[in-house]
Amino acid sequence: MRISVEEIEQVFHRLIERIKQDKIEFLDIETDYYWIITSAEWDNFASEPTIVVGSLIDDWDSLQKVLRDECITTYLDYERFASILRAISETITR
């Protein structure tokens, strides 16, 4: 599978537009802790994955530091943001 950055941007834009169309300005996410399968194992079906605990509060705090230019963006921020997006999806669809 090959995905262009342009396509990623367009999909994300459409997802944000959907939230705006539904007049959602804020989301109250009640979950903090969640299960994570480590990046090295998430697509390895040959063995049992190691499951660790993540924190949406920690993820959001780290992403807020990126917004405030208090740290450089790393590729780990994609995982953090993915967890936030999952929580958004779960919150909206409840």
N, C-alpha and C. Protein backbone atom coordinates (compact mmCIF):
# COMPACT_ATOMS: atom_id res chain seq x y z
N MET A 1 0.85 -1.17 0.00
CA MET A 1 0.00 0.00 0.00
C MET A 1 0.89 1.24 0.00
N ARG A 2 0.55 2.20 -0.82
CA ARG A 2 1.30 3.45 -0.88
C ARG A 2 0.33 4.59 -0.64
N ILE A 3 0.67 5.44 0.32
CA ILE A 3 -0.20 6.56 0.71
C ILE A 3 0.60 7.84 0.57
N SER A 4 0.04 8.81 -0.12
CA SER A 4 0.75 10.09 -0.26
C SER A 4 0.42 11.00 0.93
N VAL A 5 1.35 11.87 1.23
CA VAL A 5 1.14 12.85 2.29
C VAL A 5 -0.05 13.73 1.95
N GLU A 6 -0.20 14.05 0.68
CA GLU A 6 -1.34 14.86 0.22
C GLU A 6 -2.67 14.17 0.55
N GLU A 7 -2.74 12.87 0.33
CA GLU A 7 -3.96 12.12 0.64
C GLU A 7 -4.23 12.09 2.14
N ILE A 8 -3.19 11.92 2.92
CA ILE A 8 -3.34 11.94 4.37
C ILE A 8 -3.92 13.28 4.81
N GLU A 9 -3.38 14.34 4.26
CA GLU A 9 -3.86 15.68 4.59
C GLU A 9 -5.33 15.85 4.20
N GLN A 10 -5.69 15.38 3.04
CA GLN A 10 -7.07 15.52 2.56
C GLN A 10 -8.05 14.72 3.43
N VAL A 11 -7.67 13.50 3.78
CA VAL A 11 -8.54 12.69 4.64
C VAL A 11 -8.71 13.37 5.99
N PHE A 12 -7.60 13.82 6.57
CA PHE A 12 -7.69 14.46 7.87
C PHE A 12 -8.55 15.72 7.80
N HIS A 13 -8.40 16.49 6.74
CA HIS A 13 -9.20 17.70 6.57
C HIS A 13 -10.70 17.34 6.53
N ARG A 14 -11.04 16.29 5.80
CA ARG A 14 -12.45 15.88 5.71
C ARG A 14 -12.98 15.40 7.05
N LEU A 15 -12.15 14.73 7.81
CA LEU A 15 -12.58 14.28 9.13
C LEU A 15 -12.83 15.47 10.06
N ILE A 16 -11.96 16.46 10.01
CA ILE A 16 -12.14 17.66 10.82
C ILE A 16 -13.39 18.40 10.38
N GLU A 17 -13.60 18.50 9.09
CA GLU A 17 -14.80 19.17 8.57
C GLU A 17 -16.07 18.47 9.05
N ARG A 18 -16.05 17.15 9.13
CA ARG A 18 -17.22 16.41 9.62
C ARG A 18 -17.53 16.79 11.06
N ILE A 19 -16.52 16.88 11.89
CA ILE A 19 -16.72 17.28 13.28
C ILE A 19 -17.31 18.69 13.34
N LYS A 20 -16.78 19.58 12.52
CA LYS A 20 -17.29 20.96 12.50
C LYS A 20 -18.73 21.01 12.01
N GLN A 21 -19.07 20.20 10.99
CA GLN A 21 -20.44 20.16 10.49
C GLN A 21 -21.41 19.70 11.58
N ASP A 22 -20.95 18.83 12.43
CA ASP A 22 -21.78 18.35 13.54
C ASP A 22 -21.77 19.32 14.72
N LYS A 23 -21.13 20.47 14.52
CA LYS A 23 -21.05 21.55 15.51
C LYS A 23 -20.45 21.09 16.85
N ILE A 24 -19.46 20.23 16.75
CA ILE A 24 -18.74 19.78 17.93
C ILE A 24 -17.55 20.71 18.13
N GLU A 25 -17.54 21.41 19.25
CA GLU A 25 -16.43 22.33 19.54
C GLU A 25 -15.44 21.75 20.54
N PHE A 26 -15.93 20.93 21.44
CA PHE A 26 -15.09 20.33 22.47
C PHE A 26 -15.51 18.87 22.65
N LEU A 27 -14.58 18.07 23.08
CA LEU A 27 -14.88 16.69 23.41
C LEU A 27 -14.43 16.41 24.83
N ASP A 28 -15.30 15.85 25.62
CA ASP A 28 -14.94 15.42 26.97
C ASP A 28 -14.63 13.94 26.91
N ILE A 29 -13.37 13.63 26.93
CA ILE A 29 -12.92 12.25 26.85
C ILE A 29 -12.73 11.74 28.27
N GLU A 30 -13.51 10.74 28.63
CA GLU A 30 -13.52 10.25 30.00
C GLU A 30 -12.47 9.18 30.26
N THR A 31 -11.96 8.59 29.22
CA THR A 31 -10.95 7.53 29.35
C THR A 31 -9.57 8.17 29.52
N ASP A 32 -8.74 7.56 30.35
CA ASP A 32 -7.34 7.96 30.40
C ASP A 32 -6.47 6.79 29.96
N TYR A 33 -6.49 5.72 30.70
CA TYR A 33 -5.60 4.60 30.42
C TYR A 33 -6.17 3.70 29.33
N TYR A 34 -5.27 3.16 28.52
CA TYR A 34 -5.66 2.27 27.44
C TYR A 34 -4.53 1.27 27.19
N TRP A 35 -4.87 0.17 26.51
CA TRP A 35 -3.88 -0.85 26.17
C TRP A 35 -3.14 -0.47 24.90
N ILE A 36 -1.85 -0.75 24.89
CA ILE A 36 -1.01 -0.53 23.71
C ILE A 36 -0.30 -1.84 23.39
N ILE A 37 -0.28 -2.18 22.13
CA ILE A 37 0.61 -3.24 21.66
C ILE A 37 1.80 -2.51 21.04
N THR A 38 2.99 -2.83 21.46
CA THR A 38 4.16 -2.09 21.03
C THR A 38 4.29 -2.06 19.51
N SER A 39 4.87 -1.01 19.01
CA SER A 39 5.03 -0.82 17.56
C SER A 39 5.75 -1.98 16.89
N ALA A 40 6.73 -2.53 17.55
CA ALA A 40 7.49 -3.62 16.97
C ALA A 40 6.65 -4.90 16.85
N GLU A 41 5.56 -4.97 17.61
CA GLU A 41 4.77 -6.20 17.65
C GLU A 41 3.39 -6.09 17.02
N TRP A 42 2.93 -4.91 16.69
CA TRP A 42 1.53 -4.75 16.30
C TRP A 42 1.17 -5.46 15.01
N ASP A 43 2.14 -5.78 14.18
CA ASP A 43 1.85 -6.52 12.95
C ASP A 43 2.57 -7.87 12.90
N ASN A 44 3.06 -8.34 14.04
CA ASN A 44 3.74 -9.63 14.13
C ASN A 44 2.76 -10.65 14.70
N PHE A 45 2.16 -11.46 13.83
CA PHE A 45 1.17 -12.43 14.26
C PHE A 45 1.80 -13.77 14.65
N ALA A 46 3.11 -13.86 14.59
CA ALA A 46 3.79 -15.11 14.90
C ALA A 46 3.98 -15.32 16.40
N SER A 47 3.81 -14.26 17.19
CA SER A 47 4.01 -14.40 18.63
C SER A 47 2.96 -13.59 19.37
N GLU A 48 2.83 -13.88 20.65
CA GLU A 48 1.91 -13.13 21.50
C GLU A 48 2.50 -11.74 21.77
N PRO A 49 1.70 -10.69 21.62
CA PRO A 49 2.24 -9.35 21.84
C PRO A 49 2.40 -9.02 23.33
N THR A 50 3.32 -8.13 23.60
CA THR A 50 3.46 -7.56 24.92
C THR A 50 2.51 -6.38 25.00
N ILE A 51 1.65 -6.39 25.99
CA ILE A 51 0.68 -5.30 26.12
C ILE A 51 1.13 -4.39 27.25
N VAL A 52 1.17 -3.10 26.96
CA VAL A 52 1.54 -2.10 27.96
C VAL A 52 0.39 -1.10 28.09
N VAL A 53 0.46 -0.28 29.11
CA VAL A 53 -0.58 0.71 29.37
C VAL A 53 -0.14 2.08 28.88
N GLY A 54 -1.02 2.75 28.15
CA GLY A 54 -0.79 4.12 27.73
C GLY A 54 -1.72 5.06 28.47
N SER A 55 -1.47 6.34 28.37
CA SER A 55 -2.29 7.35 29.03
C SER A 55 -2.62 8.45 28.05
N LEU A 56 -3.91 8.66 27.82
CA LEU A 56 -4.34 9.74 26.93
C LEU A 56 -3.95 11.10 27.50
N ILE A 57 -3.99 11.23 28.81
CA ILE A 57 -3.59 12.51 29.43
C ILE A 57 -2.12 12.78 29.13
N ASP A 58 -1.27 11.77 29.29
CA ASP A 58 0.16 11.94 28.98
C ASP A 58 0.36 12.24 27.49
N ASP A 59 -0.39 11.52 26.63
CA ASP A 59 -0.28 11.75 25.20
C ASP A 59 -0.64 13.19 24.86
N TRP A 60 -1.78 13.66 25.41
CA TRP A 60 -2.24 15.01 25.09
C TRP A 60 -1.28 16.06 25.64
N ASP A 61 -0.76 15.83 26.84
CA ASP A 61 0.23 16.76 27.41
C ASP A 61 1.45 16.87 26.50
N SER A 62 1.92 15.75 25.99
CA SER A 62 3.08 15.76 25.08
C SER A 62 2.76 16.50 23.79
N LEU A 63 1.56 16.29 23.25
CA LEU A 63 1.17 16.98 22.02
C LEU A 63 0.97 18.48 22.25
N GLN A 64 0.51 18.86 23.43
CA GLN A 64 0.38 20.28 23.76
C GLN A 64 1.75 20.95 23.80
N LYS A 65 2.77 20.23 24.27
CA LYS A 65 4.13 20.78 24.27
C LYS A 65 4.61 21.03 22.85
N VAL A 66 4.23 20.14 21.93
CA VAL A 66 4.57 20.34 20.52
C VAL A 66 3.90 21.62 20.02
N LEU A 67 2.62 21.81 20.36
CA LEU A 67 1.90 23.01 19.93
C LEU A 67 2.52 24.30 20.48
N ARG A 68 3.05 24.21 21.69
CA ARG A 68 3.66 25.39 22.32
C ARG A 68 5.14 25.54 21.94
N ASP A 69 5.62 24.71 21.03
CA ASP A 69 7.02 24.72 20.59
C ASP A 69 7.99 24.51 21.75
N GLU A 70 7.58 23.73 22.74
CA GLU A 70 8.44 23.41 23.87
C GLU A 70 9.32 22.20 23.59
N CYS A 71 9.02 21.50 22.51
CA CYS A 71 9.84 20.35 22.12
C CYS A 71 9.69 20.14 20.62
N ILE A 72 10.58 19.36 20.08
CA ILE A 72 10.49 19.06 18.65
C ILE A 72 9.53 17.90 18.43
N THR A 73 8.89 17.91 17.29
CA THR A 73 8.00 16.82 16.93
C THR A 73 8.82 15.59 16.59
N THR A 74 8.38 14.45 17.10
CA THR A 74 9.03 13.18 16.79
C THR A 74 7.99 12.25 16.17
N TYR A 75 8.45 11.15 15.62
CA TYR A 75 7.51 10.20 15.04
C TYR A 75 6.69 9.47 16.11
N LEU A 76 7.14 9.49 17.34
CA LEU A 76 6.34 8.96 18.45
C LEU A 76 5.05 9.76 18.61
N ASP A 77 5.07 11.03 18.21
CA ASP A 77 3.87 11.87 18.29
C ASP A 77 2.75 11.34 17.40
N TYR A 78 3.09 10.62 16.34
CA TYR A 78 2.05 9.99 15.51
C TYR A 78 1.29 8.95 16.32
N GLU A 79 2.01 8.16 17.12
CA GLU A 79 1.35 7.17 17.97
C GLU A 79 0.49 7.85 19.01
N ARG A 80 1.01 8.90 19.60
CA ARG A 80 0.23 9.65 20.59
C ARG A 80 -1.04 10.21 19.96
N PHE A 81 -0.90 10.81 18.79
CA PHE A 81 -2.05 11.41 18.11
C PHE A 81 -3.04 10.33 17.67
N ALA A 82 -2.53 9.18 17.25
CA ALA A 82 -3.41 8.07 16.88
C ALA A 82 -4.27 7.64 18.06
N SER A 83 -3.68 7.62 19.24
CA SER A 83 -4.45 7.26 20.44
C SER A 83 -5.52 8.30 20.72
N ILE A 84 -5.19 9.56 20.54
CA ILE A 84 -6.18 10.63 20.73
C ILE A 84 -7.29 10.50 19.70
N LEU A 85 -6.93 10.23 18.44
CA LEU A 85 -7.95 10.06 17.40
C LEU A 85 -8.87 8.88 17.72
N ARG A 86 -8.31 7.81 18.24
CA ARG A 86 -9.13 6.66 18.62
C ARG A 86 -10.11 7.06 19.73
N ALA A 87 -9.63 7.80 20.71
CA ALA A 87 -10.50 8.24 21.80
C ALA A 87 -11.59 9.18 21.29
N ILE A 88 -11.24 10.04 20.33
CA ILE A 88 -12.25 10.93 19.72
C ILE A 88 -13.32 10.10 19.04
N SER A 89 -12.93 9.12 18.27
CA SER A 89 -13.88 8.26 17.56
C SER A 89 -14.79 7.55 18.57
N GLU A 90 -14.20 7.00 19.61
CA GLU A 90 -14.99 6.29 20.63
C GLU A 90 -15.97 7.23 21.33
N THR A 91 -15.53 8.45 21.61
CA THR A 91 -16.37 9.43 22.30
C THR A 91 -17.53 9.88 21.44
N ILE A 92 -17.26 10.17 20.19
CA ILE A 92 -18.31 10.67 19.28
C ILE A 92 -19.35 9.59 18.97
N THR A 93 -18.91 8.34 18.83
CA THR A 93 -19.83 7.29 18.42
C THR A 93 -20.61 6.66 19.56
N ARG A 94 -20.37 7.08 20.78
CA ARG A 94 -21.13 6.53 21.92
C ARG A 94 -22.50 7.09 21.98
